Amino acid sequence: GLFGALSNFSDLVEHFRKTHKVIVPILPLFELDIFHTTVHGL
């Protein structure tokens, strides 16, 4: 989410990495230009 980080998912990653390929892309909340800083841009 908006103030999210990998730490938000640490327990989930640790649990499901045994059975799934767990992927967490770091969303560019602050890197997109202001025109694309939207839900649709993400």
PDB file of all heavy atoms in Angstrom:
ATOM      1  N   GLY A   1       0.800  -1.218   0.000  1.00  0.00           N
ATOM      2  CA  GLY A   1       0.000   0.000   0.000  1.00  0.00           C
ATOM      3  C   GLY A   1       0.829   1.262   0.000  1.00  0.00           C
ATOM      4  O   GLY A   1       2.038   1.252  -0.263  1.00  0.00           O
ATOM      5  N   LEU A   2       0.180   2.376   0.328  1.00  0.00           N
ATOM      6  CA  LEU A   2       0.776   3.705   0.214  1.00  0.00           C
ATOM      7  C   LEU A   2       1.980   3.886   1.120  1.00  0.00           C
ATOM      8  O   LEU A   2       2.950   4.540   0.759  1.00  0.00           O
ATOM      9  CB  LEU A   2      -0.297   4.757   0.531  1.00  0.00           C
ATOM     10  CG  LEU A   2      -0.036   6.206   0.132  1.00  0.00           C
ATOM     11  CD1 LEU A   2       0.345   6.328  -1.338  1.00  0.00           C
ATOM     12  CD2 LEU A   2      -1.268   7.057   0.413  1.00  0.00           C
ATOM     13  N   PHE A   3       1.910   3.346   2.324  1.00  0.00           N
ATOM     14  CA  PHE A   3       3.055   3.409   3.228  1.00  0.00           C
ATOM     15  C   PHE A   3       3.648   2.014   3.407  1.00  0.00           C
ATOM     16  O   PHE A   3       4.254   1.711   4.424  1.00  0.00           O
ATOM     17  CB  PHE A   3       2.645   3.998   4.588  1.00  0.00           C
ATOM     18  CG  PHE A   3       2.274   5.443   4.496  1.00  0.00           C
ATOM     19  CD1 PHE A   3       0.947   5.838   4.390  1.00  0.00           C
ATOM     20  CD2 PHE A   3       3.251   6.426   4.487  1.00  0.00           C
ATOM     21  CE1 PHE A   3       0.596   7.175   4.290  1.00  0.00           C
ATOM     22  CE2 PHE A   3       2.919   7.770   4.389  1.00  0.00           C
ATOM     23  CZ  PHE A   3       1.600   8.144   4.295  1.00  0.00           C
ATOM     24  N   GLY A   4       3.448   1.181   2.391  1.00  0.00           N
ATOM     25  CA  GLY A   4       3.862  -0.207   2.491  1.00  0.00           C
ATOM     26  C   GLY A   4       5.345  -0.388   2.261  1.00  0.00           C
ATOM     27  O   GLY A   4       6.024   0.454   1.699  1.00  0.00           O
ATOM     28  N   ALA A   5       5.841  -1.521   2.707  1.00  0.00           N
ATOM     29  CA  ALA A   5       7.224  -1.907   2.490  1.00  0.00           C
ATOM     30  C   ALA A   5       7.290  -3.422   2.593  1.00  0.00           C
ATOM     31  O   ALA A   5       6.301  -4.077   2.900  1.00  0.00           O
ATOM     32  CB  ALA A   5       8.127  -1.255   3.547  1.00  0.00           C
ATOM     33  N   LEU A   6       8.463  -3.965   2.326  1.00  0.00           N
ATOM     34  CA  LEU A   6       8.625  -5.417   2.415  1.00  0.00           C
ATOM     35  C   LEU A   6       8.268  -5.942   3.798  1.00  0.00           C
ATOM     36  O   LEU A   6       7.762  -7.056   3.938  1.00  0.00           O
ATOM     37  CB  LEU A   6      10.075  -5.791   2.087  1.00  0.00           C
ATOM     38  CG  LEU A   6      10.478  -5.697   0.616  1.00  0.00           C
ATOM     39  CD1 LEU A   6      11.940  -6.024   0.466  1.00  0.00           C
ATOM     40  CD2 LEU A   6       9.637  -6.618  -0.239  1.00  0.00           C
ATOM     41  N   SER A   7       8.526  -5.126   4.825  1.00  0.00           N
ATOM     42  CA  SER A   7       8.258  -5.560   6.202  1.00  0.00           C
ATOM     43  C   SER A   7       6.782  -5.897   6.418  1.00  0.00           C
ATOM     44  O   SER A   7       6.440  -6.736   7.256  1.00  0.00           O
ATOM     45  CB  SER A   7       8.693  -4.483   7.196  1.00  0.00           C
ATOM     46  OG  SER A   7       8.006  -3.275   6.952  1.00  0.00           O
ATOM     47  N   ASN A   8       5.899  -5.266   5.640  1.00  0.00           N
ATOM     48  CA  ASN A   8       4.464  -5.552   5.758  1.00  0.00           C
ATOM     49  C   ASN A   8       4.146  -7.015   5.455  1.00  0.00           C
ATOM     50  O   ASN A   8       3.183  -7.570   5.961  1.00  0.00           O
ATOM     51  CB  ASN A   8       3.659  -4.690   4.778  1.00  0.00           C
ATOM     52  CG  ASN A   8       3.692  -3.219   5.123  1.00  0.00           C
ATOM     53  OD1 ASN A   8       4.630  -2.747   5.762  1.00  0.00           O
ATOM     54  ND2 ASN A   8       2.703  -2.489   4.686  1.00  0.00           N
ATOM     55  N   PHE A   9       4.964  -7.611   4.599  1.00  0.00           N
ATOM     56  CA  PHE A   9       4.684  -8.957   4.115  1.00  0.00           C
ATOM     57  C   PHE A   9       5.663 -10.007   4.640  1.00  0.00           C
ATOM     58  O   PHE A   9       5.674 -11.128   4.144  1.00  0.00           O
ATOM     59  CB  PHE A   9       4.725  -8.980   2.577  1.00  0.00           C
ATOM     60  CG  PHE A   9       3.619  -8.211   1.907  1.00  0.00           C
ATOM     61  CD1 PHE A   9       3.913  -7.212   0.985  1.00  0.00           C
ATOM     62  CD2 PHE A   9       2.294  -8.493   2.175  1.00  0.00           C
ATOM     63  CE1 PHE A   9       2.893  -6.515   0.348  1.00  0.00           C
ATOM     64  CE2 PHE A   9       1.272  -7.802   1.537  1.00  0.00           C
ATOM     65  CZ  PHE A   9       1.567  -6.812   0.625  1.00  0.00           C
ATOM     66  N   SER A  10       6.483  -9.662   5.626  1.00  0.00           N
ATOM     67  CA  SER A  10       7.571 -10.561   6.023  1.00  0.00           C
ATOM     68  C   SER A  10       7.064 -11.935   6.474  1.00  0.00           C
ATOM     69  O   SER A  10       7.605 -12.971   6.070  1.00  0.00           O
ATOM     70  CB  SER A  10       8.437  -9.918   7.104  1.00  0.00           C
ATOM     71  OG  SER A  10       7.646  -9.540   8.210  1.00  0.00           O
ATOM     72  N   ASP A  11       6.006 -11.971   7.294  1.00  0.00           N
ATOM     73  CA  ASP A  11       5.472 -13.264   7.762  1.00  0.00           C
ATOM     74  C   ASP A  11       4.852 -14.048   6.617  1.00  0.00           C
ATOM     75  O   ASP A  11       4.981 -15.275   6.542  1.00  0.00           O
ATOM     76  CB  ASP A  11       4.424 -13.043   8.861  1.00  0.00           C
ATOM     77  CG  ASP A  11       5.056 -12.554  10.155  1.00  0.00           C
ATOM     78  OD1 ASP A  11       5.792 -13.341  10.780  1.00  0.00           O
ATOM     79  OD2 ASP A  11       4.827 -11.403  10.538  1.00  0.00           O
ATOM     80  N   LEU A  12       4.192 -13.340   5.726  1.00  0.00           N
ATOM     81  CA  LEU A  12       3.548 -13.980   4.576  1.00  0.00           C
ATOM     82  C   LEU A  12       4.609 -14.582   3.648  1.00  0.00           C
ATOM     83  O   LEU A  12       4.486 -15.729   3.205  1.00  0.00           O
ATOM     84  CB  LEU A  12       2.700 -12.938   3.841  1.00  0.00           C
ATOM     85  CG  LEU A  12       1.620 -13.443   2.892  1.00  0.00           C
ATOM     86  CD1 LEU A  12       0.558 -12.366   2.710  1.00  0.00           C
ATOM     87  CD2 LEU A  12       2.191 -13.786   1.541  1.00  0.00           C
ATOM     88  N   VAL A  13       5.657 -13.815   3.359  1.00  0.00           N
ATOM     89  CA  VAL A  13       6.736 -14.302   2.490  1.00  0.00           C
ATOM     90  C   VAL A  13       7.374 -15.547   3.097  1.00  0.00           C
ATOM     91  O   VAL A  13       7.565 -16.564   2.418  1.00  0.00           O
ATOM     92  CB  VAL A  13       7.808 -13.203   2.268  1.00  0.00           C
ATOM     93  CG1 VAL A  13       9.019 -13.779   1.533  1.00  0.00           C
ATOM     94  CG2 VAL A  13       7.239 -12.021   1.491  1.00  0.00           C
ATOM     95  N   GLU A  14       7.679 -15.482   4.377  1.00  0.00           N
ATOM     96  CA  GLU A  14       8.367 -16.591   5.045  1.00  0.00           C
ATOM     97  C   GLU A  14       7.515 -17.865   5.023  1.00  0.00           C
ATOM     98  O   GLU A  14       8.026 -18.966   4.828  1.00  0.00           O
ATOM     99  CB  GLU A  14       8.685 -16.190   6.490  1.00  0.00           C
ATOM    100  CG  GLU A  14       9.633 -17.124   7.208  1.00  0.00           C
ATOM    101  CD  GLU A  14      10.940 -17.350   6.480  1.00  0.00           C
ATOM    102  OE1 GLU A  14      11.406 -16.457   5.739  1.00  0.00           O
ATOM    103  OE2 GLU A  14      11.506 -18.450   6.615  1.00  0.00           O
ATOM    104  N   HIS A  15       6.200 -17.699   5.175  1.00  0.00           N
ATOM    105  CA  HIS A  15       5.293 -18.851   5.192  1.00  0.00           C
ATOM    106  C   HIS A  15       5.146 -19.467   3.797  1.00  0.00           C
ATOM    107  O   HIS A  15       5.240 -20.692   3.637  1.00  0.00           O
ATOM    108  CB  HIS A  15       3.926 -18.418   5.725  1.00  0.00           C
ATOM    109  CG  HIS A  15       2.940 -19.541   5.861  1.00  0.00           C
ATOM    110  ND1 HIS A  15       2.859 -20.326   6.991  1.00  0.00           N
ATOM    111  CD2 HIS A  15       2.001 -20.024   4.997  1.00  0.00           C
ATOM    112  CE1 HIS A  15       1.906 -21.240   6.818  1.00  0.00           C
ATOM    113  NE2 HIS A  15       1.370 -21.066   5.619  1.00  0.00           N
ATOM    114  N   PHE A  16       4.909 -18.628   2.783  1.00  0.00           N
ATOM    115  CA  PHE A  16       4.524 -19.146   1.468  1.00  0.00           C
ATOM    116  C   PHE A  16       5.695 -19.417   0.533  1.00  0.00           C
ATOM    117  O   PHE A  16       5.505 -20.068  -0.503  1.00  0.00           O
ATOM    118  CB  PHE A  16       3.506 -18.202   0.807  1.00  0.00           C
ATOM    119  CG  PHE A  16       2.135 -18.321   1.393  1.00  0.00           C
ATOM    120  CD1 PHE A  16       1.710 -17.446   2.374  1.00  0.00           C
ATOM    121  CD2 PHE A  16       1.271 -19.335   1.006  1.00  0.00           C
ATOM    122  CE1 PHE A  16       0.447 -17.555   2.950  1.00  0.00           C
ATOM    123  CE2 PHE A  16       0.009 -19.468   1.562  1.00  0.00           C
ATOM    124  CZ  PHE A  16      -0.402 -18.576   2.536  1.00  0.00           C
ATOM    125  N   ARG A  17       6.896 -18.976   0.895  1.00  0.00           N
ATOM    126  CA  ARG A  17       8.048 -19.268   0.032  1.00  0.00           C
ATOM    127  C   ARG A  17       8.344 -20.764  -0.026  1.00  0.00           C
ATOM    128  O   ARG A  17       9.042 -21.235  -0.922  1.00  0.00           O
ATOM    129  CB  ARG A  17       9.292 -18.503   0.527  1.00  0.00           C
ATOM    130  CG  ARG A  17       9.791 -18.949   1.877  1.00  0.00           C
ATOM    131  CD  ARG A  17      10.722 -17.900   2.490  1.00  0.00           C
ATOM    132  NE  ARG A  17      12.019 -17.917   1.852  1.00  0.00           N
ATOM    133  CZ  ARG A  17      13.086 -18.573   2.312  1.00  0.00           C
ATOM    134  NH1 ARG A  17      12.996 -19.254   3.456  1.00  0.00           N
ATOM    135  NH2 ARG A  17      14.228 -18.544   1.683  1.00  0.00           N
ATOM    136  N   LYS A  18       7.790 -21.527   0.914  1.00  0.00           N
ATOM    137  CA  LYS A  18       7.985 -22.987   0.924  1.00  0.00           C
ATOM    138  C   LYS A  18       7.132 -23.671  -0.136  1.00  0.00           C
ATOM    139  O   LYS A  18       7.417 -24.805  -0.532  1.00  0.00           O
ATOM    140  CB  LYS A  18       7.653 -23.553   2.306  1.00  0.00           C
ATOM    141  CG  LYS A  18       8.540 -22.981   3.418  1.00  0.00           C
ATOM    142  CD  LYS A  18       7.919 -23.181   4.801  1.00  0.00           C
ATOM    143  CE  LYS A  18       8.690 -22.400   5.852  1.00  0.00           C
ATOM    144  NZ  LYS A  18       7.837 -21.989   6.963  1.00  0.00           N
ATOM    145  N   THR A  19       6.060 -23.017  -0.574  1.00  0.00           N
ATOM    146  CA  THR A  19       5.132 -23.665  -1.508  1.00  0.00           C
ATOM    147  C   THR A  19       4.905 -22.865  -2.799  1.00  0.00           C
ATOM    148  O   THR A  19       4.364 -23.397  -3.763  1.00  0.00           O
ATOM    149  CB  THR A  19       3.749 -23.849  -0.836  1.00  0.00           C
ATOM    150  OG1 THR A  19       3.300 -22.579  -0.328  1.00  0.00           O
ATOM    151  CG2 THR A  19       3.832 -24.853   0.300  1.00  0.00           C
ATOM    152  N   HIS A  20       5.287 -21.605  -2.804  1.00  0.00           N
ATOM    153  CA  HIS A  20       5.030 -20.729  -3.949  1.00  0.00           C
ATOM    154  C   HIS A  20       6.263 -19.906  -4.301  1.00  0.00           C
ATOM    155  O   HIS A  20       7.178 -19.777  -3.485  1.00  0.00           O
ATOM    156  CB  HIS A  20       3.877 -19.751  -3.632  1.00  0.00           C
ATOM    157  CG  HIS A  20       2.539 -20.397  -3.535  1.00  0.00           C
ATOM    158  ND1 HIS A  20       2.160 -21.181  -2.459  1.00  0.00           N
ATOM    159  CD2 HIS A  20       1.468 -20.382  -4.378  1.00  0.00           C
ATOM    160  CE1 HIS A  20       0.919 -21.621  -2.649  1.00  0.00           C
ATOM    161  NE2 HIS A  20       0.480 -21.152  -3.799  1.00  0.00           N
ATOM    162  N   LYS A  21       6.242 -19.365  -5.491  1.00  0.00           N
ATOM    163  CA  LYS A  21       7.219 -18.331  -5.840  1.00  0.00           C
ATOM    164  C   LYS A  21       6.614 -17.006  -5.401  1.00  0.00           C
ATOM    165  O   LYS A  21       5.665 -16.506  -6.012  1.00  0.00           O
ATOM    166  CB  LYS A  21       7.487 -18.319  -7.349  1.00  0.00           C
ATOM    167  CG  LYS A  21       8.502 -17.271  -7.777  1.00  0.00           C
ATOM    168  CD  LYS A  21       8.772 -17.325  -9.268  1.00  0.00           C
ATOM    169  CE  LYS A  21       9.668 -18.497  -9.584  1.00  0.00           C
ATOM    170  NZ  LYS A  21      10.056 -18.532 -11.004  1.00  0.00           N
ATOM    171  N   VAL A  22       7.119 -16.461  -4.301  1.00  0.00           N
ATOM    172  CA  VAL A  22       6.549 -15.231  -3.731  1.00  0.00           C
ATOM    173  C   VAL A  22       7.288 -14.028  -4.299  1.00  0.00           C
ATOM    174  O   VAL A  22       8.519 -13.948  -4.218  1.00  0.00           O
ATOM    175  CB  VAL A  22       6.642 -15.237  -2.192  1.00  0.00           C
ATOM    176  CG1 VAL A  22       5.933 -14.017  -1.622  1.00  0.00           C
ATOM    177  CG2 VAL A  22       6.014 -16.507  -1.615  1.00  0.00           C
ATOM    178  N   ILE A  23       6.533 -13.116  -4.858  1.00  0.00           N
ATOM    179  CA  ILE A  23       7.105 -11.961  -5.560  1.00  0.00           C
ATOM    180  C   ILE A  23       6.536 -10.675  -4.967  1.00  0.00           C
ATOM    181  O   ILE A  23       5.313 -10.560  -4.796  1.00  0.00           O
ATOM    182  CB  ILE A  23       6.743 -12.016  -7.070  1.00  0.00           C
ATOM    183  CG1 ILE A  23       7.163 -13.358  -7.685  1.00  0.00           C
ATOM    184  CG2 ILE A  23       7.357 -10.839  -7.823  1.00  0.00           C
ATOM    185  CD1 ILE A  23       6.126 -13.958  -8.586  1.00  0.00           C
ATOM    186  N   VAL A  24       7.398  -9.739  -4.649  1.00  0.00           N
ATOM    187  CA  VAL A  24       6.950  -8.426  -4.173  1.00  0.00           C
ATOM    188  C   VAL A  24       7.648  -7.333  -4.980  1.00  0.00           C
ATOM    189  O   VAL A  24       8.803  -6.998  -4.707  1.00  0.00           O
ATOM    190  CB  VAL A  24       7.249  -8.207  -2.671  1.00  0.00           C
ATOM    191  CG1 VAL A  24       6.546  -6.928  -2.177  1.00  0.00           C
ATOM    192  CG2 VAL A  24       6.844  -9.396  -1.826  1.00  0.00           C
ATOM    193  N   PRO A  25       6.982  -6.784  -5.997  1.00  0.00           N
ATOM    194  CA  PRO A  25       7.581  -5.645  -6.693  1.00  0.00           C
ATOM    195  C   PRO A  25       7.470  -4.393  -5.824  1.00  0.00           C
ATOM    196  O   PRO A  25       6.468  -4.190  -5.142  1.00  0.00           O
ATOM    197  CB  PRO A  25       6.716  -5.513  -7.954  1.00  0.00           C
ATOM    198  CG  PRO A  25       5.400  -6.110  -7.581  1.00  0.00           C
ATOM    199  CD  PRO A  25       5.680  -7.160  -6.542  1.00  0.00           C
ATOM    200  N   ILE A  26       8.518  -3.584  -5.820  1.00  0.00           N
ATOM    201  CA  ILE A  26       8.477  -2.324  -5.089  1.00  0.00           C
ATOM    202  C   ILE A  26       7.792  -1.299  -5.989  1.00  0.00           C
ATOM    203  O   ILE A  26       8.329  -0.934  -7.044  1.00  0.00           O
ATOM    204  CB  ILE A  26       9.895  -1.843  -4.710  1.00  0.00           C
ATOM    205  CG1 ILE A  26      10.640  -2.958  -3.944  1.00  0.00           C
ATOM    206  CG2 ILE A  26       9.826  -0.555  -3.888  1.00  0.00           C
ATOM    207  CD1 ILE A  26       9.973  -3.427  -2.673  1.00  0.00           C
ATOM    208  N   LEU A  27       6.603  -0.881  -5.595  1.00  0.00           N
ATOM    209  CA  LEU A  27       5.842   0.060  -6.427  1.00  0.00           C
ATOM    210  C   LEU A  27       6.507   1.438  -6.398  1.00  0.00           C
ATOM    211  O   LEU A  27       6.904   1.923  -5.341  1.00  0.00           O
ATOM    212  CB  LEU A  27       4.398   0.156  -5.929  1.00  0.00           C
ATOM    213  CG  LEU A  27       3.585  -1.143  -5.968  1.00  0.00           C
ATOM    214  CD1 LEU A  27       2.178  -0.912  -5.435  1.00  0.00           C
ATOM    215  CD2 LEU A  27       3.529  -1.728  -7.375  1.00  0.00           C
ATOM    216  N   PRO A  28       6.613   2.090  -7.561  1.00  0.00           N
ATOM    217  CA  PRO A  28       7.307   3.383  -7.649  1.00  0.00           C
ATOM    218  C   PRO A  28       6.405   4.537  -7.198  1.00  0.00           C
ATOM    219  O   PRO A  28       6.047   5.425  -7.984  1.00  0.00           O
ATOM    220  CB  PRO A  28       7.649   3.478  -9.142  1.00  0.00           C
ATOM    221  CG  PRO A  28       6.520   2.754  -9.811  1.00  0.00           C
ATOM    222  CD  PRO A  28       6.133   1.639  -8.884  1.00  0.00           C
ATOM    223  N   LEU A  29       6.043   4.529  -5.915  1.00  0.00           N
ATOM    224  CA  LEU A  29       5.104   5.525  -5.396  1.00  0.00           C
ATOM    225  C   LEU A  29       5.631   6.948  -5.560  1.00  0.00           C
ATOM    226  O   LEU A  29       4.856   7.893  -5.735  1.00  0.00           O
ATOM    227  CB  LEU A  29       4.829   5.267  -3.912  1.00  0.00           C
ATOM    228  CG  LEU A  29       4.299   3.876  -3.543  1.00  0.00           C
ATOM    229  CD1 LEU A  29       4.162   3.750  -2.035  1.00  0.00           C
ATOM    230  CD2 LEU A  29       2.959   3.593  -4.224  1.00  0.00           C
ATOM    231  N   PHE A  30       6.946   7.103  -5.506  1.00  0.00           N
ATOM    232  CA  PHE A  30       7.536   8.446  -5.528  1.00  0.00           C
ATOM    233  C   PHE A  30       8.414   8.681  -6.755  1.00  0.00           C
ATOM    234  O   PHE A  30       9.020   9.739  -6.889  1.00  0.00           O
ATOM    235  CB  PHE A  30       8.370   8.662  -4.257  1.00  0.00           C
ATOM    236  CG  PHE A  30       7.620   8.334  -2.997  1.00  0.00           C
ATOM    237  CD1 PHE A  30       8.050   7.329  -2.152  1.00  0.00           C
ATOM    238  CD2 PHE A  30       6.449   9.021  -2.665  1.00  0.00           C
ATOM    239  CE1 PHE A  30       7.349   7.018  -0.999  1.00  0.00           C
ATOM    240  CE2 PHE A  30       5.744   8.709  -1.517  1.00  0.00           C
ATOM    241  CZ  PHE A  30       6.187   7.715  -0.682  1.00  0.00           C
ATOM    242  N   GLU A  31       8.480   7.705  -7.660  1.00  0.00           N
ATOM    243  CA  GLU A  31       9.388   7.823  -8.806  1.00  0.00           C
ATOM    244  C   GLU A  31       8.691   8.246 -10.101  1.00  0.00           C
ATOM    245  O   GLU A  31       9.332   8.773 -11.001  1.00  0.00           O
ATOM    246  CB  GLU A  31      10.108   6.492  -9.056  1.00  0.00           C
ATOM    247  CG  GLU A  31      11.201   6.173  -8.053  1.00  0.00           C
ATOM    248  CD  GLU A  31      10.665   5.666  -6.735  1.00  0.00           C
ATOM    249  OE1 GLU A  31       9.743   4.834  -6.756  1.00  0.00           O
ATOM    250  OE2 GLU A  31      11.149   6.124  -5.676  1.00  0.00           O
ATOM    251  N   LEU A  32       7.397   7.986 -10.206  1.00  0.00           N
ATOM    252  CA  LEU A  32       6.681   8.344 -11.437  1.00  0.00           C
ATOM    253  C   LEU A  32       6.507   9.857 -11.518  1.00  0.00           C
ATOM    254  O   LEU A  32       6.469  10.543 -10.496  1.00  0.00           O
ATOM    255  CB  LEU A  32       5.305   7.668 -11.466  1.00  0.00           C
ATOM    256  CG  LEU A  32       5.284   6.127 -11.471  1.00  0.00           C
ATOM    257  CD1 LEU A  32       3.861   5.625 -11.366  1.00  0.00           C
ATOM    258  CD2 LEU A  32       5.952   5.579 -12.719  1.00  0.00           C
ATOM    259  N   ASP A  33       6.402  10.373 -12.760  1.00  0.00           N
ATOM    260  CA  ASP A  33       6.091  11.801 -12.873  1.00  0.00           C
ATOM    261  C   ASP A  33       4.677  12.035 -12.348  1.00  0.00           C
ATOM    262  O   ASP A  33       3.872  11.105 -12.250  1.00  0.00           O
ATOM    263  CB  ASP A  33       6.241  12.285 -14.325  1.00  0.00           C
ATOM    264  CG  ASP A  33       5.241  11.619 -15.264  1.00  0.00           C
ATOM    265  OD1 ASP A  33       4.040  11.941 -15.166  1.00  0.00           O
ATOM    266  OD2 ASP A  33       5.656  10.782 -16.084  1.00  0.00           O
ATOM    267  N   ILE A  34       4.381  13.261 -12.003  1.00  0.00           N
ATOM    268  CA  ILE A  34       3.129  13.571 -11.301  1.00  0.00           C
ATOM    269  C   ILE A  34       1.901  13.181 -12.133  1.00  0.00           C
ATOM    270  O   ILE A  34       0.882  12.771 -11.582  1.00  0.00           O
ATOM    271  CB  ILE A  34       3.069  15.057 -10.874  1.00  0.00           C
ATOM    272  CG1 ILE A  34       1.979  15.286  -9.816  1.00  0.00           C
ATOM    273  CG2 ILE A  34       2.920  15.978 -12.064  1.00  0.00           C
ATOM    274  CD1 ILE A  34       2.244  14.662  -8.478  1.00  0.00           C
ATOM    275  N   PHE A  35       2.020  13.244 -13.460  1.00  0.00           N
ATOM    276  CA  PHE A  35       0.899  12.893 -14.342  1.00  0.00           C
ATOM    277  C   PHE A  35       0.546  11.410 -14.218  1.00  0.00           C
ATOM    278  O   PHE A  35      -0.622  11.029 -14.328  1.00  0.00           O
ATOM    279  CB  PHE A  35       1.250  13.233 -15.796  1.00  0.00           C
ATOM    280  CG  PHE A  35       0.142  12.931 -16.771  1.00  0.00           C
ATOM    281  CD1 PHE A  35      -1.003  13.720 -16.819  1.00  0.00           C
ATOM    282  CD2 PHE A  35       0.234  11.839 -17.628  1.00  0.00           C
ATOM    283  CE1 PHE A  35      -2.031  13.431 -17.716  1.00  0.00           C
ATOM    284  CE2 PHE A  35      -0.787  11.543 -18.517  1.00  0.00           C
ATOM    285  CZ  PHE A  35      -1.916  12.340 -18.558  1.00  0.00           C
ATOM    286  N   HIS A  36       1.576  10.561 -13.989  1.00  0.00           N
ATOM    287  CA  HIS A  36       1.348   9.115 -13.893  1.00  0.00           C
ATOM    288  C   HIS A  36       1.304   8.614 -12.451  1.00  0.00           C
ATOM    289  O   HIS A  36       1.241   7.402 -12.220  1.00  0.00           O
ATOM    290  CB  HIS A  36       2.429   8.362 -14.674  1.00  0.00           C
ATOM    291  CG  HIS A  36       2.339   8.565 -16.158  1.00  0.00           C
ATOM    292  ND1 HIS A  36       3.142   9.454 -16.837  1.00  0.00           N
ATOM    293  CD2 HIS A  36       1.508   8.017 -17.082  1.00  0.00           C
ATOM    294  CE1 HIS A  36       2.816   9.436 -18.128  1.00  0.00           C
ATOM    295  NE2 HIS A  36       1.829   8.579 -18.295  1.00  0.00           N
ATOM    296  N   THR A  37       1.367   9.536 -11.494  1.00  0.00           N
ATOM    297  CA  THR A  37       1.294   9.136 -10.079  1.00  0.00           C
ATOM    298  C   THR A  37      -0.177   8.928  -9.720  1.00  0.00           C
ATOM    299  O   THR A  37      -0.813   9.747  -9.050  1.00  0.00           O
ATOM    300  CB  THR A  37       1.976  10.188  -9.185  1.00  0.00           C
ATOM    301  OG1 THR A  37       3.337  10.323  -9.615  1.00  0.00           O
ATOM    302  CG2 THR A  37       1.989   9.769  -7.726  1.00  0.00           C
ATOM    303  N   THR A  38      -0.708   7.824 -10.213  1.00  0.00           N
ATOM    304  CA  THR A  38      -2.129   7.482 -10.061  1.00  0.00           C
ATOM    305  C   THR A  38      -2.240   5.967  -9.863  1.00  0.00           C
ATOM    306  O   THR A  38      -1.280   5.225 -10.093  1.00  0.00           O
ATOM    307  CB  THR A  38      -2.924   7.853 -11.329  1.00  0.00           C
ATOM    308  OG1 THR A  38      -2.397   7.081 -12.432  1.00  0.00           O
ATOM    309  CG2 THR A  38      -2.819   9.341 -11.657  1.00  0.00           C
ATOM    310  N   VAL A  39      -3.417   5.529  -9.476  1.00  0.00           N
ATOM    311  CA  VAL A  39      -3.672   4.086  -9.365  1.00  0.00           C
ATOM    312  C   VAL A  39      -3.436   3.411 -10.714  1.00  0.00           C
ATOM    313  O   VAL A  39      -2.813   2.348 -10.801  1.00  0.00           O
ATOM    314  CB  VAL A  39      -5.117   3.822  -8.873  1.00  0.00           C
ATOM    315  CG1 VAL A  39      -5.414   2.333  -8.856  1.00  0.00           C
ATOM    316  CG2 VAL A  39      -5.327   4.422  -7.488  1.00  0.00           C
ATOM    317  N   HIS A  40      -3.906   4.050 -11.789  1.00  0.00           N
ATOM    318  CA  HIS A  40      -3.752   3.470 -13.126  1.00  0.00           C
ATOM    319  C   HIS A  40      -2.295   3.470 -13.566  1.00  0.00           C
ATOM    320  O   HIS A  40      -1.840   2.550 -14.255  1.00  0.00           O
ATOM    321  CB  HIS A  40      -4.637   4.213 -14.124  1.00  0.00           C
ATOM    322  CG  HIS A  40      -6.101   3.894 -13.956  1.00  0.00           C
ATOM    323  ND1 HIS A  40      -6.754   2.954 -14.730  1.00  0.00           N
ATOM    324  CD2 HIS A  40      -7.018   4.360 -13.076  1.00  0.00           C
ATOM    325  CE1 HIS A  40      -8.018   2.867 -14.344  1.00  0.00           C
ATOM    326  NE2 HIS A  40      -8.204   3.713 -13.341  1.00  0.00           N
ATOM    327  N   GLY A  41      -1.541   4.501 -13.173  1.00  0.00           N
ATOM    328  CA  GLY A  41      -0.112   4.543 -13.480  1.00  0.00           C
ATOM    329  C   GLY A  41       0.638   3.399 -12.811  1.00  0.00           C
ATOM    330  O   GLY A  41       1.511   2.758 -13.416  1.00  0.00           O
ATOM    331  N   LEU A  42       0.280   3.109 -11.559  1.00  0.00           N
ATOM    332  CA  LEU A  42       0.898   1.989 -10.844  1.00  0.00           C
ATOM    333  C   LEU A  42       0.484   0.648 -11.459  1.00  0.00           C
ATOM    334  O   LEU A  42       1.289  -0.283 -11.542  1.00  0.00           O
ATOM    335  CB  LEU A  42       0.514   2.026  -9.364  1.00  0.00           C
ATOM    336  CG  LEU A  42       1.082   3.200  -8.552  1.00  0.00           C
ATOM    337  CD1 LEU A  42       0.507   3.185  -7.139  1.00  0.00           C
ATOM    338  CD2 LEU A  42       2.604   3.162  -8.505  1.00  0.00           C
TER     339      LEU A  42
END
